[in-house]
Protein backbone atom coordinates (compact mmCIF):
# COMPACT_ATOMS: atom_id res chain seq x y z
CA MET A 1 -141.36 74.52 53.30
CA ALA A 2 -143.75 72.16 55.17
CA GLU A 3 -146.62 73.55 53.07
CA SER A 4 -144.88 72.59 49.87
CA LEU A 5 -144.20 69.14 51.31
CA LEU A 6 -147.67 68.38 52.63
CA GLY A 7 -150.02 70.91 51.00
CA GLY A 8 -150.59 73.42 53.72
CA GLU A 9 -153.70 72.81 55.74
CA ALA A 10 -155.47 69.51 55.50
CA GLN A 11 -158.67 68.40 57.22
CA GLY A 12 -158.33 70.97 59.97
CA LEU A 13 -154.68 70.30 60.62
CA VAL A 14 -152.09 73.06 60.71
CA ILE A 15 -148.76 72.00 59.25
CA GLY A 16 -145.50 73.73 60.19
CA TYR A 17 -141.88 73.44 61.27
CA GLU A 18 -140.88 74.15 64.85
CA GLY A 19 -137.32 73.78 65.84
CA GLY A 20 -136.43 71.71 62.79
CA VAL A 21 -139.31 69.26 63.48
CA LEU A 22 -142.22 68.88 61.16
CA ARG A 23 -145.43 69.06 63.37
CA ILE A 24 -148.98 68.55 62.47
CA HIS A 25 -151.40 70.20 64.99
CA GLY A 26 -154.97 69.41 65.51
CA ASP A 27 -157.59 70.19 68.14
CA ASP A 28 -155.32 68.81 71.02
CA GLU A 29 -151.69 69.70 70.14
CA ALA A 30 -150.25 67.41 72.81
CA THR A 31 -151.90 64.31 71.50
CA ARG A 32 -152.50 65.06 67.84
CA SER A 33 -148.95 65.95 66.73
CA ILE A 34 -147.32 64.00 63.94
CA ARG A 35 -143.58 64.66 63.80
CA SER A 36 -140.86 64.02 61.30
CA LYS A 37 -137.24 64.43 62.33
CA ALA A 38 -134.24 63.19 60.42
CA ASP A 39 -132.57 61.54 63.40
CA VAL A 40 -135.76 59.72 64.48
CA MET A 41 -136.81 56.71 62.48
CA GLY A 42 -134.98 57.96 59.44
CA GLY A 43 -137.32 60.93 59.10
CA ASP A 44 -140.51 58.91 58.93
CA ALA A 45 -143.61 60.71 60.25
CA CYS A 46 -144.08 59.46 63.80
CA ILE A 47 -146.74 59.89 66.43
CA ARG A 48 -145.93 62.60 68.92
CA THR A 49 -142.51 62.05 70.49
CA THR A 50 -142.60 58.26 70.06
CA ARG A 51 -140.77 56.14 67.55
CA ILE A 52 -143.99 54.74 66.32
CA PRO A 53 -144.27 55.67 62.64
CA VAL A 54 -147.60 56.51 61.05
CA TRP A 55 -147.07 53.96 58.36
CA LEU A 56 -146.96 51.13 61.02
CA VAL A 57 -150.34 51.94 62.57
CA VAL A 58 -151.78 52.61 59.09
CA ARG A 59 -150.52 49.21 57.94
CA HIS A 60 -152.16 47.54 60.94
CA LYS A 61 -155.44 49.20 60.01
CA GLN A 62 -155.09 48.14 56.41
CA LEU A 63 -154.69 44.57 57.61
CA GLY A 64 -158.01 44.77 59.50
CA ILE A 65 -156.68 45.27 63.00
CA SER A 66 -159.11 47.33 65.09
CA ASP A 67 -158.26 50.60 66.71
CA GLU A 68 -158.80 48.94 70.13
CA ARG A 69 -156.27 46.22 69.29
CA ILE A 70 -153.75 48.75 68.05
CA LEU A 71 -154.09 50.72 71.28
CA ALA A 72 -153.67 47.49 73.24
CA ASN A 73 -150.44 46.70 71.39
CA TYR A 74 -149.09 50.20 71.80
CA PRO A 75 -150.09 51.28 75.35
CA GLY A 76 -148.27 54.61 74.96
CA LEU A 77 -150.77 55.65 72.30
CA ALA A 78 -154.25 57.20 72.88
CA ALA A 79 -157.34 57.19 70.60
CA ALA A 80 -156.55 60.82 69.61
CA ASP A 81 -153.11 59.64 68.37
CA LEU A 82 -154.77 57.17 65.97
CA ILE A 83 -157.12 59.93 64.74
CA ALA A 84 -154.14 62.12 64.03
CA ALA A 85 -152.47 59.20 62.18
CA TRP A 86 -155.54 58.58 60.07
CA ASP A 87 -155.92 62.29 59.31
CA PHE A 88 -152.25 62.52 58.43
CA TYR A 89 -152.52 59.45 56.12
CA ALA A 90 -155.59 60.89 54.39
CA ALA A 91 -153.68 64.05 53.60
CA ASN A 92 -150.34 62.32 52.89
CA ALA A 93 -151.01 58.76 51.70
CA GLU A 94 -148.30 58.83 49.00
CA ARG A 95 -145.61 59.92 51.53
CA VAL A 96 -146.75 57.33 54.14
CA GLU A 97 -146.83 54.53 51.60
CA LEU A 98 -143.38 55.46 50.34
CA GLU A 99 -142.08 55.32 53.87
CA ARG A 100 -143.65 51.93 54.49
CA ARG A 101 -142.29 50.52 51.25
CA SER A 102 -138.83 51.87 52.02
CA HIS A 103 -138.87 50.14 55.41
CA GLU A 104 -140.16 46.79 54.05
CA GLU A 105 -137.53 46.83 51.27
CA ALA A 106 -134.77 47.48 53.74
CA ALA A 107 -135.94 44.58 56.04
């Protein structure tokens, strides 16, 4: 099911469901996981077990905010988390942009 949603493997990431949670695994599973769970942030793809959605850090990047500044604003994140977010966005830009637009329209 995850493969049909996200296209299988993308840029060295393995996509799969574990315990009802969509997980994207990279080199370091603990820090490179992107998760989507219906009861967390409305199912938006989030970084690890945080409530920080991928679309939020991607939007910061689109606005010209540096990785260093993003990490300073979100001390619970590591550089590897941002790499995972950028990789996920590269493979799933349409999904991430839809999540962002949905959030902005609801606000």
